[in-house]
Amino acid sequence: MWVYGLVGAFLPDALSRRLDEAGIAHQARRDATQRILIDAGATPVPPEPGYLTPEPVTDAASALRLAITAETDAAAAWRSVVERSPADADLRGTALEALTDAAVRATRWRATAGATPLTVPFPGAP
């Protein structure tokens, strides 16, 4: 969610709807994940107030690269959940949906950035 606030400062208004949708999707996923963790007896770790970016974000191109990186990282995290939760079909389903959503958003951002390839063979794979 933090990334989309930063990215939004550098992208044109024409992309504001997609930015809003991505931010809302991440917020909903975060809230649902917190509920899953709490229901399992765990205490969710609160988000940091800010993060280091892999490169400085100074223009639309670097903002798009950051959006792609954020979605790629989210896909990797959710792929890990899919791989490590074989006994819980509901959790696996939730994780697979989250992985798919992140992969689709990453592909859309790659298309917007003119990056190739648009997709990766196994989203979230190292």
C-alpha atoms as a PDB file:
ATOM      1  CA  MET A   1       0.000   0.000   0.000  1.00  0.00           C
ATOM      2  CA  TRP A   2       2.861   2.362   0.820  1.00  0.00           C
ATOM      3  CA  VAL A   3       4.369   1.751  -2.610  1.00  0.00           C
ATOM      4  CA  TYR A   4       1.198   2.840  -4.373  1.00  0.00           C
ATOM      5  CA  GLY A   5       1.199   6.132  -2.482  1.00  0.00           C
ATOM      6  CA  LEU A   6       4.743   6.800  -3.655  1.00  0.00           C
ATOM      7  CA  VAL A   7       4.139   5.576  -7.193  1.00  0.00           C
ATOM      8  CA  GLY A   8       1.037   7.740  -7.486  1.00  0.00           C
ATOM      9  CA  ALA A   9       3.108  10.878  -7.032  1.00  0.00           C
ATOM     10  CA  PHE A  10       4.970  10.152 -10.278  1.00  0.00           C
ATOM     11  CA  LEU A  11       2.357   8.646 -12.590  1.00  0.00           C
ATOM     12  CA  PRO A  12      -0.061  10.590 -14.764  1.00  0.00           C
ATOM     13  CA  ASP A  13      -3.654  11.146 -13.679  1.00  0.00           C
ATOM     14  CA  ALA A  14      -4.780   8.765 -16.416  1.00  0.00           C
ATOM     15  CA  LEU A  15      -3.497   5.915 -14.228  1.00  0.00           C
ATOM     16  CA  SER A  16      -5.104   7.110 -10.997  1.00  0.00           C
ATOM     17  CA  ARG A  17      -8.013   4.676 -11.244  1.00  0.00           C
ATOM     18  CA  ARG A  18      -5.667   1.689 -11.638  1.00  0.00           C
ATOM     19  CA  LEU A  19      -3.534   2.974  -8.750  1.00  0.00           C
ATOM     20  CA  ASP A  20      -6.616   3.303  -6.558  1.00  0.00           C
ATOM     21  CA  GLU A  21      -7.813  -0.189  -7.474  1.00  0.00           C
ATOM     22  CA  ALA A  22      -4.401  -1.693  -6.720  1.00  0.00           C
ATOM     23  CA  GLY A  23      -4.163   0.121  -3.393  1.00  0.00           C
ATOM     24  CA  ILE A  24      -7.668  -0.966  -2.390  1.00  0.00           C
ATOM     25  CA  ALA A  25      -6.900  -4.563  -3.397  1.00  0.00           C
ATOM     26  CA  HIS A  26      -3.739  -4.580  -1.293  1.00  0.00           C
ATOM     27  CA  GLN A  27      -5.536  -3.047   1.670  1.00  0.00           C
ATOM     28  CA  ALA A  28      -8.324  -5.630   1.468  1.00  0.00           C
ATOM     29  CA  ARG A  29      -5.757  -8.438   1.188  1.00  0.00           C
ATOM     30  CA  ARG A  30      -3.817  -7.048   4.166  1.00  0.00           C
ATOM     31  CA  ASP A  31      -6.968  -6.825   6.282  1.00  0.00           C
ATOM     32  CA  ALA A  32      -8.044 -10.366   5.345  1.00  0.00           C
ATOM     33  CA  THR A  33      -4.548 -11.675   6.093  1.00  0.00           C
ATOM     34  CA  GLN A  34      -4.566  -9.994   9.489  1.00  0.00           C
ATOM     35  CA  ARG A  35      -7.899 -11.679  10.267  1.00  0.00           C
ATOM     36  CA  ILE A  36      -6.488 -15.081   9.219  1.00  0.00           C
ATOM     37  CA  LEU A  37      -3.450 -14.587  11.448  1.00  0.00           C
ATOM     38  CA  ILE A  38      -5.492 -13.417  14.429  1.00  0.00           C
ATOM     39  CA  ASP A  39      -7.909 -16.349  14.011  1.00  0.00           C
ATOM     40  CA  ALA A  40      -4.879 -18.669  14.002  1.00  0.00           C
ATOM     41  CA  GLY A  41      -3.655 -17.156  17.274  1.00  0.00           C
ATOM     42  CA  ALA A  42      -0.812 -15.108  15.791  1.00  0.00           C
ATOM     43  CA  THR A  43      -0.160 -11.409  16.201  1.00  0.00           C
ATOM     44  CA  PRO A  44       0.222  -9.613  12.851  1.00  0.00           C
ATOM     45  CA  VAL A  45       3.285  -7.416  12.491  1.00  0.00           C
ATOM     46  CA  PRO A  46       2.249  -3.826  11.782  1.00  0.00           C
ATOM     47  CA  PRO A  47       3.494  -2.216   8.571  1.00  0.00           C
ATOM     48  CA  GLU A  48       6.530   0.013   8.639  1.00  0.00           C
ATOM     49  CA  PRO A  49       5.936   3.766   8.161  1.00  0.00           C
ATOM     50  CA  GLY A  50       8.169   3.661   5.080  1.00  0.00           C
ATOM     51  CA  TYR A  51      10.471   1.391   3.136  1.00  0.00           C
ATOM     52  CA  LEU A  52      13.680   1.541   1.134  1.00  0.00           C
ATOM     53  CA  THR A  53      13.086   1.255  -2.588  1.00  0.00           C
ATOM     54  CA  PRO A  54      15.427  -0.767  -4.816  1.00  0.00           C
ATOM     55  CA  GLU A  55      16.232   2.435  -6.697  1.00  0.00           C
ATOM     56  CA  PRO A  56      15.288   6.082  -6.255  1.00  0.00           C
ATOM     57  CA  VAL A  57      11.823   6.896  -7.571  1.00  0.00           C
ATOM     58  CA  THR A  58      12.211  10.095  -9.541  1.00  0.00           C
ATOM     59  CA  ASP A  59       9.930   9.798 -12.563  1.00  0.00           C
ATOM     60  CA  ALA A  60       7.166   7.715 -14.149  1.00  0.00           C
ATOM     61  CA  ALA A  61       9.564   5.049 -15.425  1.00  0.00           C
ATOM     62  CA  SER A  62      11.105   4.392 -12.013  1.00  0.00           C
ATOM     63  CA  ALA A  63       7.642   4.511 -10.414  1.00  0.00           C
ATOM     64  CA  LEU A  64       6.406   1.823 -12.792  1.00  0.00           C
ATOM     65  CA  ARG A  65       9.453  -0.318 -12.060  1.00  0.00           C
ATOM     66  CA  LEU A  66       8.665  -0.027  -8.351  1.00  0.00           C
ATOM     67  CA  ALA A  67       5.037  -1.063  -8.921  1.00  0.00           C
ATOM     68  CA  ILE A  68       6.259  -4.091 -10.894  1.00  0.00           C
ATOM     69  CA  THR A  69       8.727  -4.964  -8.129  1.00  0.00           C
ATOM     70  CA  ALA A  70       6.059  -4.653  -5.431  1.00  0.00           C
ATOM     71  CA  GLU A  71       3.684  -6.971  -7.272  1.00  0.00           C
ATOM     72  CA  THR A  72       6.472  -9.420  -8.103  1.00  0.00           C
ATOM     73  CA  ASP A  73       7.478  -9.504  -4.431  1.00  0.00           C
ATOM     74  CA  ALA A  74       3.844  -9.993  -3.378  1.00  0.00           C
ATOM     75  CA  ALA A  75       3.530 -12.887  -5.824  1.00  0.00           C
ATOM     76  CA  ALA A  76       6.668 -14.472  -4.350  1.00  0.00           C
ATOM     77  CA  ALA A  77       5.309 -14.152  -0.816  1.00  0.00           C
ATOM     78  CA  TRP A  78       1.964 -15.692  -1.724  1.00  0.00           C
ATOM     79  CA  ARG A  79       3.621 -18.465  -3.730  1.00  0.00           C
ATOM     80  CA  SER A  80       5.499 -19.344  -0.564  1.00  0.00           C
ATOM     81  CA  VAL A  81       2.203 -19.632   1.322  1.00  0.00           C
ATOM     82  CA  VAL A  82       0.773 -21.884  -1.415  1.00  0.00           C
ATOM     83  CA  GLU A  83       3.829 -24.121  -1.236  1.00  0.00           C
ATOM     84  CA  ARG A  84       3.864 -24.350   2.551  1.00  0.00           C
ATOM     85  CA  SER A  85       0.194 -24.824   3.432  1.00  0.00           C
ATOM     86  CA  PRO A  86      -0.826 -28.173   1.891  1.00  0.00           C
ATOM     87  CA  ALA A  87      -3.025 -29.210   4.811  1.00  0.00           C
ATOM     88  CA  ASP A  88      -5.231 -26.111   4.722  1.00  0.00           C
ATOM     89  CA  ALA A  89      -7.242 -25.976   1.502  1.00  0.00           C
ATOM     90  CA  ASP A  90      -8.864 -22.643   2.410  1.00  0.00           C
ATOM     91  CA  LEU A  91      -5.532 -20.982   3.084  1.00  0.00           C
ATOM     92  CA  ARG A  92      -4.059 -22.425  -0.121  1.00  0.00           C
ATOM     93  CA  GLY A  93      -7.040 -21.089  -2.066  1.00  0.00           C
ATOM     94  CA  THR A  94      -6.665 -17.643  -0.542  1.00  0.00           C
ATOM     95  CA  ALA A  95      -2.937 -17.651  -1.265  1.00  0.00           C
ATOM     96  CA  LEU A  96      -3.442 -18.818  -4.848  1.00  0.00           C
ATOM     97  CA  GLU A  97      -5.974 -16.047  -5.433  1.00  0.00           C
ATOM     98  CA  ALA A  98      -3.558 -13.484  -3.984  1.00  0.00           C
ATOM     99  CA  LEU A  99      -0.694 -14.848  -6.103  1.00  0.00           C
ATOM    100  CA  THR A 100      -2.832 -14.634  -9.230  1.00  0.00           C
ATOM    101  CA  ASP A 101      -3.990 -11.097  -8.436  1.00  0.00           C
ATOM    102  CA  ALA A 102      -0.409  -9.907  -7.903  1.00  0.00           C
ATOM    103  CA  ALA A 103       0.768 -11.599 -11.111  1.00  0.00           C
ATOM    104  CA  VAL A 104      -2.013  -9.953 -13.115  1.00  0.00           C
ATOM    105  CA  ARG A 105      -1.245  -6.521 -11.674  1.00  0.00           C
ATOM    106  CA  ALA A 106       2.481  -7.006 -12.390  1.00  0.00           C
ATOM    107  CA  THR A 107       1.664  -7.914 -15.991  1.00  0.00           C
ATOM    108  CA  ARG A 108      -0.506  -4.815 -16.402  1.00  0.00           C
ATOM    109  CA  TRP A 109       2.239  -2.591 -14.990  1.00  0.00           C
ATOM    110  CA  ARG A 110       4.790  -4.233 -17.315  1.00  0.00           C
ATOM    111  CA  ALA A 111       2.509  -3.502 -20.263  1.00  0.00           C
ATOM    112  CA  THR A 112       2.137   0.120 -19.164  1.00  0.00           C
ATOM    113  CA  ALA A 113       5.907   0.425 -18.793  1.00  0.00           C
ATOM    114  CA  GLY A 114       6.552  -1.196 -22.164  1.00  0.00           C
ATOM    115  CA  ALA A 115       8.594  -3.904 -20.424  1.00  0.00           C
ATOM    116  CA  THR A 116       9.200  -7.297 -21.945  1.00  0.00           C
ATOM    117  CA  PRO A 117       8.424 -10.006 -21.396  1.00  0.00           C
ATOM    118  CA  LEU A 118       4.980  -9.063 -20.139  1.00  0.00           C
ATOM    119  CA  THR A 119       4.600 -12.233 -18.114  1.00  0.00           C
ATOM    120  CA  VAL A 120       6.855 -14.676 -16.351  1.00  0.00           C
ATOM    121  CA  PRO A 121       6.460 -18.470 -16.652  1.00  0.00           C
ATOM    122  CA  PHE A 122       5.945 -19.110 -12.939  1.00  0.00           C
ATOM    123  CA  PRO A 123       4.895 -15.967 -11.030  1.00  0.00           C
ATOM    124  CA  GLY A 124       6.524 -15.757  -7.649  1.00  0.00           C
ATOM    125  CA  ALA A 125       9.284 -18.239  -8.499  1.00  0.00           C
ATOM    126  CA  PRO A 126      12.779 -17.313  -7.381  1.00  0.00           C
END
